[in-house]
């Protein structure tokens, strides 16, 4: 099965895996799943690090190489997804979450997220 990670899920997986539900942790460590990290995630983390909101500088070092070696894939944002994110109803003003919602909808895959706002966009959400 394919999954898309919300940024907080990725961050918690790498920094505080104990806060994740056991089923989510199992999903992320089971190599039979096709888990995608959106390009939105390193972008959001870098912006938040740059403004001092998150201390994730070490996590950003060779993020791509480390995660590919760990079996994750990266999902690029397509122009259609960018447009779709801008046209989504304004249930949420966070542009990162709107891009993740549009990407999950376009790829027809669930997002692994605690954030219930994705439910309002009709995105299938995994968090148990």
Foldseek 3Di string as FASTA:
>chain_A
DEEEEDLVLVVCVVPPVVVADPVSNCQLQDLVYAYEYEPLNLVVVVVCVVVPNDDCPVCSVPVVVVVVVSNYHYDYQDPVLLVQLVVQPPLDDPSSVSSVLSVCVVVVHAYADPDCSSVVRVGHYDGD
